[in-house]
Amino acid sequence: MKQQLETIRQSALAAIERTAQLKELDDLRVRYLGKKGELTALLKQMGGLSPEERPVIGQLANEVREALANAIAVQSKRLEEAALNARLASETLDVTIPGKKPQLGHKHPMSIVLDELKDVFLGMGFQIAEGPEIEMASYNFTKLNTEEGHPARDWQDTFYLREDSSLLLRTQTSPMQVRVMENQKPPIRIIAPGRVYRKDEVDATHSPMFHQIEGLVVDKGITMADLKGTLDSVLKALYGPNTVTRFRPHHFPFTEPSCEVDVQCHACGGVGCRVCKGEGWIEVLGAGMVHPKVLEGCGIDTEVYSGWAFGAGVERLVLRRFSIADLRLIFENDIRFLNQF
């Protein structure tokens, strides 16, 4: 057994010295000093020794165990220092190298156009009015001369939050016009930007969630000429002095007379393409003179005051502003697309 202990000592010390990884060293510790290790297994045979041999072999076994433990501790420290030095060498920082300039974000095209619109209207003396996206049906429809049974109130077209149809995601920012007229006496000049929701199918020019900006003017002597002049000036300020606009007769429950305003298609120049659905024009907003019933419902004397209003989808204005062919690109958050702006 004495010879076996010496053999374990020599082979173990040699193996420990050759290790290059801490895991290898730990494997050797288990192999020789573990509960099922070679040294432990050998010591279990001491019961077969004579009383005279046991003290001698026991002392030698302790010396071997201590020698292996010390060798493992020394090698472990050496390997840890080597690993640390290697890490420091690989992570060395050259403070003389110029730093990397952080990449800063910038305005989304939606924000660019919306801010430009706000600047134009603020320059004309308008104020900004904002309100809730979850709206009462009375403000979204009834007070805008859209009574029960009107197609715009169909469950298939509108996102209702209650079965009694009293609460919904607003389909327009027009409720802010009513709220302002109820709480402010004329003259009134406001714009109401914000998110709105409709059950539109997603395509190149439609989305179930989009942004709208509406405007309202109420004062003495306001006419359709004021409406047309203002909107034409706004669109030229947004798109350039050569912008071609078109006003078409239309019908809205809350305006009379009403009109649709188009701009010539930016993709085809009026020839007709997929973006404008072959028409050569893109509808950008609806407008008209505020219906007398709407004014009277807000306590405004229609014998003294008149007004005009408009509503525009901001996404469509963005398409024309940046010559974007598909509205869906605005919402996809593709960094390759957004970097262009």
Protein backbone atom coordinates (compact mmCIF):
# COMPACT_ATOMS: atom_id res chain seq x y z
CA MET A 1 0.00 0.00 0.00
CA LYS A 2 2.93 2.28 0.68
CA GLN A 3 4.05 1.89 -2.93
CA GLN A 4 0.52 2.61 -4.15
CA LEU A 5 0.39 5.86 -2.16
CA GLU A 6 3.72 7.02 -3.64
CA THR A 7 2.47 6.18 -7.13
CA ILE A 8 -0.69 8.25 -6.56
CA ARG A 9 1.39 11.14 -5.23
CA GLN A 10 3.72 11.23 -8.22
CA SER A 11 1.07 10.76 -10.93
CA ALA A 12 -1.32 13.26 -9.32
CA LEU A 13 1.32 15.98 -8.86
CA ALA A 14 2.45 15.56 -12.46
CA ALA A 15 -1.12 15.76 -13.74
CA ILE A 16 -1.87 18.85 -11.62
CA GLU A 17 1.17 20.66 -12.97
CA ARG A 18 0.09 19.99 -16.58
CA THR A 19 -3.42 21.44 -16.22
CA ALA A 20 -4.24 24.53 -18.31
CA GLN A 21 -7.87 25.07 -17.30
CA LEU A 22 -9.57 25.40 -13.93
CA LYS A 23 -12.09 22.75 -14.91
CA GLU A 24 -9.30 20.25 -15.60
CA LEU A 25 -7.88 21.00 -12.17
CA ASP A 26 -11.24 20.46 -10.48
CA ASP A 27 -11.64 17.14 -12.31
CA LEU A 28 -8.31 16.00 -10.91
CA ARG A 29 -9.34 17.05 -7.40
CA VAL A 30 -12.44 14.88 -7.67
CA ARG A 31 -10.47 12.03 -9.23
CA TYR A 32 -7.95 11.82 -6.41
CA LEU A 33 -9.49 13.47 -3.33
CA GLY A 34 -13.22 13.07 -3.89
CA LYS A 35 -15.47 10.67 -1.97
CA LYS A 36 -14.98 8.12 -4.71
CA GLY A 37 -11.44 9.21 -5.54
CA GLU A 38 -8.38 6.98 -5.84
CA LEU A 39 -6.84 8.07 -2.54
CA THR A 40 -10.12 7.62 -0.64
CA ALA A 41 -10.63 4.16 -2.14
CA LEU A 42 -7.13 3.12 -1.14
CA LEU A 43 -7.60 4.30 2.45
CA LYS A 44 -10.72 2.17 2.78
CA GLN A 45 -8.41 -0.87 2.57
CA MET A 46 -6.52 0.07 5.75
CA GLY A 47 -8.79 -2.21 7.74
CA GLY A 48 -6.80 -5.17 6.39
CA LEU A 49 -3.45 -3.86 7.72
CA SER A 50 -1.74 -4.99 10.89
CA PRO A 51 -1.83 -2.73 13.95
CA GLU A 52 1.85 -1.88 13.41
CA GLU A 53 1.33 -0.83 9.74
CA ARG A 54 -1.76 1.36 10.25
CA PRO A 55 -0.03 4.38 11.92
CA VAL A 56 2.71 4.40 9.30
CA ILE A 57 0.36 4.13 6.33
CA GLY A 58 -2.08 6.62 7.92
CA GLN A 59 0.64 9.23 8.36
CA LEU A 60 1.83 8.71 4.76
CA ALA A 61 -1.73 8.97 3.46
CA ASN A 62 -2.17 12.29 5.27
CA GLU A 63 1.08 13.56 3.77
CA VAL A 64 -0.07 12.57 0.28
CA ARG A 65 -3.50 14.21 0.77
CA GLU A 66 -1.91 17.41 2.06
CA ALA A 67 0.62 17.48 -0.81
CA LEU A 68 -2.13 17.10 -3.42
CA ALA A 69 -4.34 19.73 -1.76
CA ASN A 70 -1.46 22.23 -1.62
CA ALA A 71 -0.51 21.54 -5.22
CA ILE A 72 -4.12 22.05 -6.34
CA ALA A 73 -4.35 25.35 -4.40
CA VAL A 74 -1.10 26.67 -5.93
CA GLN A 75 -2.10 25.63 -9.46
CA SER A 76 -5.59 27.12 -9.02
CA LYS A 77 -4.15 30.50 -8.09
CA ARG A 78 -1.76 30.34 -11.03
CA LEU A 79 -4.53 29.53 -13.49
CA GLU A 80 -6.80 32.30 -12.12
CA GLU A 81 -4.03 34.85 -12.52
CA ALA A 82 -3.37 33.67 -16.08
CA ALA A 83 -7.06 33.92 -16.94
CA LEU A 84 -7.27 37.44 -15.48
CA ASN A 85 -4.19 38.58 -17.40
CA ALA A 86 -5.62 37.17 -20.63
CA ARG A 87 -8.92 38.97 -20.05
CA LEU A 88 -7.18 42.26 -19.28
CA ALA A 89 -5.13 41.93 -22.44
CA SER A 90 -8.21 41.27 -24.57
CA GLU A 91 -10.21 44.12 -23.02
CA THR A 92 -7.51 46.74 -23.11
CA LEU A 93 -8.96 50.18 -23.82
CA ASP A 94 -6.95 52.57 -25.94
CA VAL A 95 -7.98 55.96 -24.55
CA THR A 96 -6.29 57.71 -27.48
CA ILE A 97 -8.82 56.27 -29.99
CA PRO A 98 -11.56 58.82 -30.86
CA GLY A 99 -14.91 57.90 -29.31
CA LYS A 100 -17.83 56.64 -31.37
CA LYS A 101 -20.48 59.26 -31.96
CA PRO A 102 -23.84 57.97 -30.63
CA GLN A 103 -26.57 57.64 -33.23
CA LEU A 104 -29.33 60.07 -32.39
CA GLY A 105 -32.93 59.62 -33.38
CA HIS A 106 -34.98 62.16 -35.28
CA LYS A 107 -38.59 63.06 -35.89
CA HIS A 108 -40.90 60.51 -37.45
CA PRO A 109 -42.37 61.70 -40.78
CA MET A 110 -45.77 61.85 -39.06
CA SER A 111 -44.40 64.22 -36.43
CA ILE A 112 -42.65 66.33 -39.07
CA VAL A 113 -45.84 66.97 -41.03
CA LEU A 114 -48.01 67.43 -37.94
CA ASP A 115 -45.58 70.00 -36.53
CA GLU A 116 -45.50 71.82 -39.87
CA LEU A 117 -49.30 71.95 -39.90
CA LYS A 118 -49.40 73.26 -36.35
CA ASP A 119 -46.88 75.98 -37.23
CA VAL A 120 -48.96 77.07 -40.25
CA PHE A 121 -52.20 77.27 -38.29
CA LEU A 122 -50.62 78.87 -35.22
CA GLY A 123 -49.23 81.51 -37.56
CA MET A 124 -52.81 82.18 -38.69
CA GLY A 125 -53.98 82.74 -35.11
CA PHE A 126 -55.41 79.28 -34.40
CA GLN A 127 -55.20 77.51 -31.04
CA ILE A 128 -54.65 73.77 -30.44
CA ALA A 129 -57.43 71.79 -28.72
CA GLU A 130 -56.93 68.19 -27.57
CA GLY A 131 -59.40 65.72 -26.10
CA PRO A 132 -60.10 62.07 -25.18
CA GLU A 133 -59.69 59.20 -27.64
CA ILE A 134 -62.43 57.27 -25.82
CA GLU A 135 -65.48 59.38 -26.56
CA MET A 136 -69.20 59.48 -25.84
CA ALA A 137 -71.38 58.70 -28.84
CA SER A 138 -73.34 61.89 -28.18
CA TYR A 139 -70.25 64.00 -28.88
CA ASN A 140 -68.89 61.79 -31.66
CA PHE A 141 -72.20 61.63 -33.53
CA THR A 142 -75.40 63.13 -32.10
CA LYS A 143 -74.16 66.66 -31.41
CA LEU A 144 -72.62 66.66 -34.89
CA ASN A 145 -76.05 66.20 -36.48
CA THR A 146 -75.58 62.44 -36.94
CA GLU A 147 -78.64 60.88 -35.32
CA GLU A 148 -79.30 57.25 -34.39
CA GLY A 149 -79.60 55.00 -37.43
CA HIS A 150 -77.05 56.91 -39.53
CA PRO A 151 -74.68 54.53 -41.44
CA ALA A 152 -71.64 56.08 -39.73
CA ARG A 153 -72.91 54.62 -36.43
CA ASP A 154 -73.03 51.05 -37.74
CA TRP A 155 -71.36 48.44 -35.53
CA GLN A 156 -69.44 47.24 -38.59
CA ASP A 157 -67.84 50.65 -39.08
CA THR A 158 -67.11 51.78 -35.54
CA PHE A 159 -65.30 50.39 -32.46
CA TYR A 160 -67.83 50.50 -29.62
CA LEU A 161 -66.80 49.83 -26.02
CA ARG A 162 -70.29 49.27 -24.65
CA GLU A 163 -73.22 47.24 -25.91
CA ASP A 164 -75.51 50.24 -25.52
CA SER A 165 -73.36 52.13 -28.07
CA SER A 166 -72.80 55.00 -25.65
CA LEU A 167 -69.00 54.78 -25.57
CA LEU A 168 -66.58 54.25 -28.44
CA LEU A 169 -63.14 54.91 -29.82
CA ARG A 170 -63.59 58.24 -31.55
CA THR A 171 -63.90 58.06 -35.33
CA GLN A 172 -62.85 61.70 -35.76
CA THR A 173 -61.54 64.60 -33.71
CA SER A 174 -64.75 66.56 -34.49
CA PRO A 175 -66.04 66.09 -30.90
CA MET A 176 -63.43 68.65 -29.85
CA GLN A 177 -65.18 71.22 -32.04
CA VAL A 178 -68.39 70.71 -30.07
CA ARG A 179 -66.59 70.74 -26.74
CA VAL A 180 -64.88 74.03 -27.59
CA MET A 181 -68.08 75.67 -28.88
CA GLU A 182 -69.91 74.62 -25.69
CA ASN A 183 -67.30 76.26 -23.49
CA GLN A 184 -66.01 79.20 -25.52
CA LYS A 185 -67.81 82.10 -27.12
CA PRO A 186 -66.95 83.18 -30.68
CA PRO A 187 -64.65 84.16 -32.26
CA ILE A 188 -63.22 80.63 -32.33
CA ARG A 189 -60.19 79.44 -34.29
CA ILE A 190 -58.93 76.00 -33.29
CA ILE A 191 -57.28 72.89 -34.70
CA ALA A 192 -57.77 69.47 -33.09
CA PRO A 193 -55.06 66.88 -33.89
CA GLY A 194 -55.08 63.31 -32.57
CA ARG A 195 -55.52 59.56 -33.15
CA VAL A 196 -58.84 58.24 -34.43
CA TYR A 197 -60.19 54.74 -35.12
CA ARG A 198 -62.36 53.20 -37.82
CA LYS A 199 -62.86 49.66 -39.13
CA ASP A 200 -61.06 50.36 -42.40
CA GLU A 201 -59.31 47.60 -44.31
CA VAL A 202 -55.54 48.05 -44.42
CA ASP A 203 -54.27 49.08 -47.85
CA ALA A 204 -51.98 51.67 -49.46
CA THR A 205 -54.15 54.57 -48.26
CA HIS A 206 -56.24 53.19 -45.33
CA SER A 207 -55.65 52.00 -41.75
CA PRO A 208 -57.99 51.16 -38.82
CA MET A 209 -55.96 53.56 -36.65
CA PHE A 210 -54.78 56.83 -38.13
CA HIS A 211 -54.18 60.44 -37.22
CA GLN A 212 -56.50 63.31 -38.00
CA ILE A 213 -56.31 67.05 -37.74
CA GLU A 214 -59.51 69.07 -37.73
CA GLY A 215 -60.05 72.80 -37.79
CA LEU A 216 -62.90 75.08 -36.80
CA VAL A 217 -63.54 78.78 -37.33
CA VAL A 218 -66.65 80.51 -35.96
CA ASP A 219 -67.06 84.27 -36.25
CA LYS A 220 -69.21 86.95 -37.81
CA GLY A 221 -69.37 86.98 -41.60
CA ILE A 222 -67.51 83.70 -42.23
CA THR A 223 -68.13 82.35 -45.76
CA MET A 224 -67.15 79.45 -48.02
CA ALA A 225 -64.59 81.75 -49.63
CA ASP A 226 -62.75 81.97 -46.28
CA LEU A 227 -62.70 78.17 -46.08
CA LYS A 228 -61.34 77.70 -49.58
CA GLY A 229 -58.73 80.43 -49.27
CA THR A 230 -57.45 79.13 -45.93
CA LEU A 231 -57.19 75.48 -46.99
CA ASP A 232 -55.57 76.33 -50.31
CA SER A 233 -52.98 78.43 -48.48
CA VAL A 234 -52.32 75.65 -45.94
CA LEU A 235 -51.79 72.98 -48.61
CA LYS A 236 -49.48 75.26 -50.59
CA ALA A 237 -47.50 76.00 -47.41
CA LEU A 238 -47.19 72.26 -46.80
CA TYR A 239 -46.46 71.03 -50.33
CA GLY A 240 -45.12 74.07 -52.16
CA PRO A 241 -46.54 76.97 -54.18
CA ASN A 242 -47.16 74.81 -57.27
CA THR A 243 -49.55 72.48 -55.45
CA VAL A 244 -52.72 71.80 -57.43
CA THR A 245 -55.90 71.48 -55.36
CA ARG A 246 -59.46 70.54 -56.26
CA PHE A 247 -62.67 71.24 -54.33
CA ARG A 248 -65.59 68.87 -55.04
CA PRO A 249 -69.18 69.08 -53.74
CA HIS A 250 -69.92 66.47 -51.09
CA HIS A 251 -72.18 65.78 -48.11
CA PHE A 252 -71.38 65.63 -44.40
CA PRO A 253 -74.11 65.68 -41.72
CA PHE A 254 -72.31 68.37 -39.72
CA THR A 255 -71.54 70.81 -42.57
CA GLU A 256 -73.75 72.45 -45.23
CA PRO A 257 -72.62 73.07 -47.90
CA SER A 258 -69.81 70.48 -47.84
CA CYS A 259 -66.85 69.67 -50.05
CA GLU A 260 -63.98 67.22 -50.51
CA VAL A 261 -60.52 68.63 -51.11
CA ASP A 262 -58.06 66.73 -53.30
CA VAL A 263 -54.45 67.29 -54.31
CA GLN A 264 -52.95 66.08 -57.52
CA CYS A 265 -51.34 62.62 -57.08
CA HIS A 266 -47.66 62.90 -56.21
CA ALA A 267 -46.85 59.49 -57.65
CA CYS A 268 -48.19 59.96 -61.18
CA GLY A 269 -48.68 63.71 -61.51
CA GLY A 270 -52.37 63.33 -62.27
CA VAL A 271 -52.10 60.60 -64.90
CA GLY A 272 -53.53 57.79 -62.74
CA CYS A 273 -51.76 55.00 -60.83
CA ARG A 274 -52.13 52.45 -58.02
CA VAL A 275 -51.68 55.09 -55.30
CA CYS A 276 -54.52 57.30 -56.55
CA LYS A 277 -56.51 54.31 -57.83
CA GLY A 278 -56.32 55.62 -61.37
CA GLU A 279 -57.99 58.94 -60.62
CA GLY A 280 -54.95 61.23 -60.71
CA TRP A 281 -56.07 62.88 -57.45
CA ILE A 282 -55.78 61.96 -53.77
CA GLU A 283 -58.45 63.01 -51.33
CA VAL A 284 -56.80 64.71 -48.36
CA LEU A 285 -59.65 66.25 -46.39
CA GLY A 286 -63.33 67.00 -46.09
CA ALA A 287 -64.69 70.40 -45.20
CA GLY A 288 -67.69 72.70 -45.28
CA MET A 289 -69.69 75.38 -43.55
CA VAL A 290 -70.71 74.31 -40.04
CA HIS A 291 -74.33 73.14 -40.08
CA PRO A 292 -76.70 75.56 -38.28
CA LYS A 293 -78.02 72.68 -36.13
CA VAL A 294 -74.51 72.06 -34.79
CA LEU A 295 -74.02 75.74 -33.95
CA GLU A 296 -77.44 76.02 -32.33
CA GLY A 297 -76.85 72.84 -30.31
CA CYS A 298 -73.81 74.55 -28.79
CA GLY A 299 -75.73 77.71 -27.96
CA ILE A 300 -74.36 79.85 -30.81
CA ASP A 301 -76.73 82.32 -32.51
CA THR A 302 -76.76 81.44 -36.21
CA GLU A 303 -78.26 84.83 -37.05
CA VAL A 304 -75.03 86.44 -35.89
CA TYR A 305 -72.32 83.82 -36.38
CA SER A 306 -71.30 81.32 -39.03
CA GLY A 307 -68.33 79.02 -39.34
CA TRP A 308 -66.41 76.49 -41.36
CA ALA A 309 -64.69 73.26 -40.42
CA PHE A 310 -62.41 70.68 -41.98
CA GLY A 311 -60.99 67.26 -41.17
CA ALA A 312 -57.84 65.75 -42.72
CA GLY A 313 -56.08 62.42 -42.36
CA VAL A 314 -52.50 63.27 -41.45
CA GLU A 315 -51.16 60.06 -43.02
CA ARG A 316 -52.47 61.07 -46.43
CA LEU A 317 -50.83 64.45 -46.05
CA VAL A 318 -47.58 62.67 -45.19
CA LEU A 319 -47.84 60.49 -48.31
CA ARG A 320 -48.08 63.58 -50.49
CA ARG A 321 -45.46 65.54 -48.51
CA PHE A 322 -42.73 62.89 -48.83
CA SER A 323 -43.89 61.09 -52.02
CA ILE A 324 -44.56 57.85 -50.14
CA ALA A 325 -46.49 55.29 -52.17
CA ASP A 326 -47.87 53.12 -49.34
CA LEU A 327 -49.36 54.28 -46.03
CA ARG A 328 -48.37 51.01 -44.33
CA LEU A 329 -44.70 52.03 -44.44
CA ILE A 330 -45.45 54.75 -41.89
CA PHE A 331 -46.48 52.20 -39.24
CA GLU A 332 -44.02 49.34 -39.90
CA ASN A 333 -41.09 51.01 -38.08
CA ASP A 334 -38.55 49.73 -40.61
CA ILE A 335 -35.36 51.62 -39.74
CA ARG A 336 -34.30 51.57 -43.40
CA PHE A 337 -37.42 53.54 -44.28
CA LEU A 338 -37.29 55.94 -41.31
CA ASN A 339 -33.61 56.78 -41.91
CA GLN A 340 -34.61 58.61 -45.07
CA PHE A 341 -36.20 61.34 -43.02
